[in-house]
Amino acid sequence: MTTLLTRDWDVRFRRRGHGASKELHPNRKPEEAAPQPVRLSRVARLMALALRFETLLRTGVVANCAELARLGHVSRARISQILNLLHLAPDLQEELLLLTRPGRGRDPIHLARLQPIAAQFDWGRQRRLWRELRAATGTAVGEAPVGR
């Protein structure tokens, strides 16, 4: 006599973008799924990169910005744009490092929108412009933009 055994599996497929391969998540219930990791915004990563570049330049590991550009396969102008973030007030730099990306869509704050703020010598003026930019984009520190 043969006993037939069956087993039920709950299999979920998820696609990431058009044309992407499917991801298989067997034996997981939706509530058991791992929490989504925090996604840093692009300007947060650029701010961290600017701080790293500054360290490399100060310690003499890299001779100058031209060498940084060659190593990073970018233009010297791009290196200058990234290093301009170091002209921001320290508290604004900290806020930039804590910015996260929205769950979907694009980052509301771009490097180009920060350049005029970094060009201001007065930190008080920088802070006012930063508050205006945050209000215009609906972005708060450490969280994704509202309504995006």
C-alpha atoms as a PDB file:
ATOM      1  CA  MET A   1       0.000   0.000   0.000  1.00  0.00           C
ATOM      2  CA  THR A   2       1.389   3.381  -1.045  1.00  0.00           C
ATOM      3  CA  THR A   3       0.691   6.479   0.988  1.00  0.00           C
ATOM      4  CA  LEU A   4       0.535   9.690  -0.958  1.00  0.00           C
ATOM      5  CA  LEU A   5       1.939  12.677   0.905  1.00  0.00           C
ATOM      6  CA  THR A   6       1.335  16.224  -0.182  1.00  0.00           C
ATOM      7  CA  ARG A   7       2.760  19.434   1.085  1.00  0.00           C
ATOM      8  CA  ASP A   8       1.487  22.934   0.461  1.00  0.00           C
ATOM      9  CA  TRP A   9       3.959  25.741  -0.114  1.00  0.00           C
ATOM     10  CA  ASP A  10       3.199  29.403  -0.102  1.00  0.00           C
ATOM     11  CA  VAL A  11       5.374  30.865  -2.853  1.00  0.00           C
ATOM     12  CA  ARG A  12       5.479  34.566  -3.627  1.00  0.00           C
ATOM     13  CA  PHE A  13       7.079  36.192  -6.635  1.00  0.00           C
ATOM     14  CA  ARG A  14       8.077  39.815  -6.790  1.00  0.00           C
ATOM     15  CA  ARG A  15       9.391  41.815  -9.709  1.00  0.00           C
ATOM     16  CA  ARG A  16      11.728  44.762  -9.428  1.00  0.00           C
ATOM     17  CA  GLY A  17      11.146  46.997 -12.412  1.00  0.00           C
ATOM     18  CA  HIS A  18      10.219  46.318 -15.989  1.00  0.00           C
ATOM     19  CA  GLY A  19      11.991  43.298 -17.429  1.00  0.00           C
ATOM     20  CA  ALA A  20      13.641  42.361 -14.137  1.00  0.00           C
ATOM     21  CA  SER A  21      13.887  38.757 -13.102  1.00  0.00           C
ATOM     22  CA  LYS A  22      11.466  37.440 -10.529  1.00  0.00           C
ATOM     23  CA  GLU A  23      12.547  36.942  -6.950  1.00  0.00           C
ATOM     24  CA  LEU A  24      11.346  33.806  -5.215  1.00  0.00           C
ATOM     25  CA  HIS A  25      10.427  34.016  -1.542  1.00  0.00           C
ATOM     26  CA  PRO A  26       9.243  30.552  -0.472  1.00  0.00           C
ATOM     27  CA  ASN A  27       7.668  29.800   2.889  1.00  0.00           C
ATOM     28  CA  ARG A  28       7.335  33.396   3.959  1.00  0.00           C
ATOM     29  CA  LYS A  29       4.245  35.089   5.053  1.00  0.00           C
ATOM     30  CA  PRO A  30       4.020  38.831   4.358  1.00  0.00           C
ATOM     31  CA  GLU A  31       4.334  39.665   8.058  1.00  0.00           C
ATOM     32  CA  GLU A  32       7.513  37.569   8.310  1.00  0.00           C
ATOM     33  CA  ALA A  33       9.292  39.487   5.592  1.00  0.00           C
ATOM     34  CA  ALA A  34      12.413  41.323   6.672  1.00  0.00           C
ATOM     35  CA  PRO A  35      12.013  45.046   7.286  1.00  0.00           C
ATOM     36  CA  GLN A  36      13.037  47.282   4.414  1.00  0.00           C
ATOM     37  CA  PRO A  37      16.505  48.761   4.902  1.00  0.00           C
ATOM     38  CA  VAL A  38      16.860  52.521   5.143  1.00  0.00           C
ATOM     39  CA  ARG A  39      17.705  53.982   1.768  1.00  0.00           C
ATOM     40  CA  LEU A  40      19.964  57.011   1.925  1.00  0.00           C
ATOM     41  CA  SER A  41      19.359  59.811  -0.530  1.00  0.00           C
ATOM     42  CA  ARG A  42      21.886  60.522  -3.229  1.00  0.00           C
ATOM     43  CA  VAL A  43      22.926  63.834  -1.645  1.00  0.00           C
ATOM     44  CA  ALA A  44      23.549  62.003   1.651  1.00  0.00           C
ATOM     45  CA  ARG A  45      25.956  59.697  -0.140  1.00  0.00           C
ATOM     46  CA  LEU A  46      27.560  62.652  -1.919  1.00  0.00           C
ATOM     47  CA  MET A  47      28.021  64.444   1.418  1.00  0.00           C
ATOM     48  CA  ALA A  48      29.744  61.367   2.822  1.00  0.00           C
ATOM     49  CA  LEU A  49      31.902  61.225  -0.295  1.00  0.00           C
ATOM     50  CA  ALA A  50      32.856  64.890   0.133  1.00  0.00           C
ATOM     51  CA  LEU A  51      33.962  64.191   3.702  1.00  0.00           C
ATOM     52  CA  ARG A  52      35.984  61.201   2.508  1.00  0.00           C
ATOM     53  CA  PHE A  53      37.598  63.285  -0.260  1.00  0.00           C
ATOM     54  CA  GLU A  54      38.546  65.932   2.290  1.00  0.00           C
ATOM     55  CA  THR A  55      40.235  63.306   4.449  1.00  0.00           C
ATOM     56  CA  LEU A  56      42.142  61.901   1.476  1.00  0.00           C
ATOM     57  CA  LEU A  57      43.340  65.370   0.490  1.00  0.00           C
ATOM     58  CA  ARG A  58      44.339  66.400   4.020  1.00  0.00           C
ATOM     59  CA  THR A  59      46.282  63.230   4.756  1.00  0.00           C
ATOM     60  CA  GLY A  60      48.116  63.424   1.442  1.00  0.00           C
ATOM     61  CA  VAL A  61      46.846  60.082   0.150  1.00  0.00           C
ATOM     62  CA  VAL A  62      45.676  61.994  -2.928  1.00  0.00           C
ATOM     63  CA  ALA A  63      47.721  64.950  -4.154  1.00  0.00           C
ATOM     64  CA  ASN A  64      44.935  67.136  -5.545  1.00  0.00           C
ATOM     65  CA  CYS A  65      41.437  67.279  -7.018  1.00  0.00           C
ATOM     66  CA  ALA A  66      42.691  66.385 -10.485  1.00  0.00           C
ATOM     67  CA  GLU A  67      44.025  63.097  -9.145  1.00  0.00           C
ATOM     68  CA  LEU A  68      40.713  62.443  -7.395  1.00  0.00           C
ATOM     69  CA  ALA A  69      38.929  63.022 -10.700  1.00  0.00           C
ATOM     70  CA  ARG A  70      41.247  60.642 -12.522  1.00  0.00           C
ATOM     71  CA  LEU A  71      40.778  57.938  -9.877  1.00  0.00           C
ATOM     72  CA  GLY A  72      37.002  58.370  -9.863  1.00  0.00           C
ATOM     73  CA  HIS A  73      36.687  58.570 -13.670  1.00  0.00           C
ATOM     74  CA  VAL A  74      34.802  61.855 -13.410  1.00  0.00           C
ATOM     75  CA  SER A  75      35.576  65.427 -14.375  1.00  0.00           C
ATOM     76  CA  ARG A  76      37.378  67.886 -12.120  1.00  0.00           C
ATOM     77  CA  ALA A  77      34.223  70.000 -12.213  1.00  0.00           C
ATOM     78  CA  ARG A  78      32.237  67.125 -10.709  1.00  0.00           C
ATOM     79  CA  ILE A  79      34.791  66.758  -7.911  1.00  0.00           C
ATOM     80  CA  SER A  80      34.473  70.488  -7.242  1.00  0.00           C
ATOM     81  CA  GLN A  81      30.688  70.222  -7.103  1.00  0.00           C
ATOM     82  CA  ILE A  82      30.932  67.434  -4.537  1.00  0.00           C
ATOM     83  CA  LEU A  83      33.578  69.244  -2.484  1.00  0.00           C
ATOM     84  CA  ASN A  84      31.415  72.396  -2.444  1.00  0.00           C
ATOM     85  CA  LEU A  85      29.165  70.567   0.027  1.00  0.00           C
ATOM     86  CA  LEU A  86      31.942  71.088   2.591  1.00  0.00           C
ATOM     87  CA  HIS A  87      31.129  74.827   2.532  1.00  0.00           C
ATOM     88  CA  LEU A  88      27.765  74.149   4.154  1.00  0.00           C
ATOM     89  CA  ALA A  89      27.275  74.824   7.848  1.00  0.00           C
ATOM     90  CA  PRO A  90      28.147  71.781   9.991  1.00  0.00           C
ATOM     91  CA  ASP A  91      24.557  71.265  11.127  1.00  0.00           C
ATOM     92  CA  LEU A  92      23.382  71.282   7.491  1.00  0.00           C
ATOM     93  CA  GLN A  93      26.041  68.717   6.614  1.00  0.00           C
ATOM     94  CA  GLU A  94      24.726  66.527   9.417  1.00  0.00           C
ATOM     95  CA  GLU A  95      21.146  66.901   8.161  1.00  0.00           C
ATOM     96  CA  LEU A  96      22.260  65.944   4.659  1.00  0.00           C
ATOM     97  CA  LEU A  97      23.911  62.799   5.995  1.00  0.00           C
ATOM     98  CA  LEU A  98      20.592  61.778   7.607  1.00  0.00           C
ATOM     99  CA  LEU A  99      18.365  62.292   4.548  1.00  0.00           C
ATOM    100  CA  THR A 100      16.615  59.165   3.324  1.00  0.00           C
ATOM    101  CA  ARG A 101      15.077  58.364  -0.031  1.00  0.00           C
ATOM    102  CA  PRO A 102      11.359  58.048  -0.654  1.00  0.00           C
ATOM    103  CA  GLY A 103       9.977  54.545  -1.049  1.00  0.00           C
ATOM    104  CA  ARG A 104       9.248  55.234  -4.693  1.00  0.00           C
ATOM    105  CA  GLY A 105      10.139  57.975  -7.064  1.00  0.00           C
ATOM    106  CA  ARG A 106      13.077  60.317  -7.295  1.00  0.00           C
ATOM    107  CA  ASP A 107      14.956  62.182  -4.636  1.00  0.00           C
ATOM    108  CA  PRO A 108      13.450  65.641  -4.214  1.00  0.00           C
ATOM    109  CA  ILE A 109      16.754  67.282  -3.263  1.00  0.00           C
ATOM    110  CA  HIS A 110      19.497  67.254  -5.879  1.00  0.00           C
ATOM    111  CA  LEU A 111      23.080  68.447  -5.757  1.00  0.00           C
ATOM    112  CA  ALA A 112      22.225  71.260  -8.161  1.00  0.00           C
ATOM    113  CA  ARG A 113      19.689  72.638  -5.667  1.00  0.00           C
ATOM    114  CA  LEU A 114      22.344  72.637  -2.936  1.00  0.00           C
ATOM    115  CA  GLN A 115      25.033  74.475  -4.909  1.00  0.00           C
ATOM    116  CA  PRO A 116      23.499  77.972  -4.463  1.00  0.00           C
ATOM    117  CA  ILE A 117      23.134  77.306  -0.732  1.00  0.00           C
ATOM    118  CA  ALA A 118      26.763  76.193  -0.418  1.00  0.00           C
ATOM    119  CA  ALA A 119      27.854  79.329  -2.311  1.00  0.00           C
ATOM    120  CA  GLN A 120      26.545  81.531   0.524  1.00  0.00           C
ATOM    121  CA  PHE A 121      29.249  82.544   2.989  1.00  0.00           C
ATOM    122  CA  ASP A 122      26.833  83.348   5.807  1.00  0.00           C
ATOM    123  CA  TRP A 123      25.743  80.203   7.649  1.00  0.00           C
ATOM    124  CA  GLY A 124      22.585  81.944   8.837  1.00  0.00           C
ATOM    125  CA  ARG A 125      21.615  82.612   5.214  1.00  0.00           C
ATOM    126  CA  GLN A 126      22.456  79.000   4.357  1.00  0.00           C
ATOM    127  CA  ARG A 127      20.133  77.789   7.101  1.00  0.00           C
ATOM    128  CA  ARG A 128      17.283  79.999   5.858  1.00  0.00           C
ATOM    129  CA  LEU A 129      17.735  78.759   2.274  1.00  0.00           C
ATOM    130  CA  TRP A 130      17.911  75.149   3.524  1.00  0.00           C
ATOM    131  CA  ARG A 131      14.647  75.546   5.458  1.00  0.00           C
ATOM    132  CA  GLU A 132      13.012  76.998   2.337  1.00  0.00           C
ATOM    133  CA  LEU A 133      14.266  74.095   0.222  1.00  0.00           C
ATOM    134  CA  ARG A 134      13.032  71.529   2.757  1.00  0.00           C
ATOM    135  CA  ALA A 135       9.640  73.225   2.925  1.00  0.00           C
ATOM    136  CA  ALA A 136       9.377  73.337  -0.874  1.00  0.00           C
ATOM    137  CA  THR A 137      10.156  69.625  -1.188  1.00  0.00           C
ATOM    138  CA  GLY A 138       8.287  68.472   1.921  1.00  0.00           C
ATOM    139  CA  THR A 139      11.425  66.816   3.273  1.00  0.00           C
ATOM    140  CA  ALA A 140      12.165  66.449   6.977  1.00  0.00           C
ATOM    141  CA  VAL A 141      15.391  65.249   8.511  1.00  0.00           C
ATOM    142  CA  GLY A 142      15.777  61.478   8.590  1.00  0.00           C
ATOM    143  CA  GLU A 143      12.553  60.725   6.742  1.00  0.00           C
ATOM    144  CA  ALA A 144      11.256  60.431   3.224  1.00  0.00           C
ATOM    145  CA  PRO A 145       9.437  63.354   1.606  1.00  0.00           C
ATOM    146  CA  VAL A 146       5.774  63.729   2.441  1.00  0.00           C
ATOM    147  CA  GLY A 147       3.292  62.957  -0.329  1.00  0.00           C
ATOM    148  CA  ARG A 148       5.815  61.687  -2.830  1.00  0.00           C
END
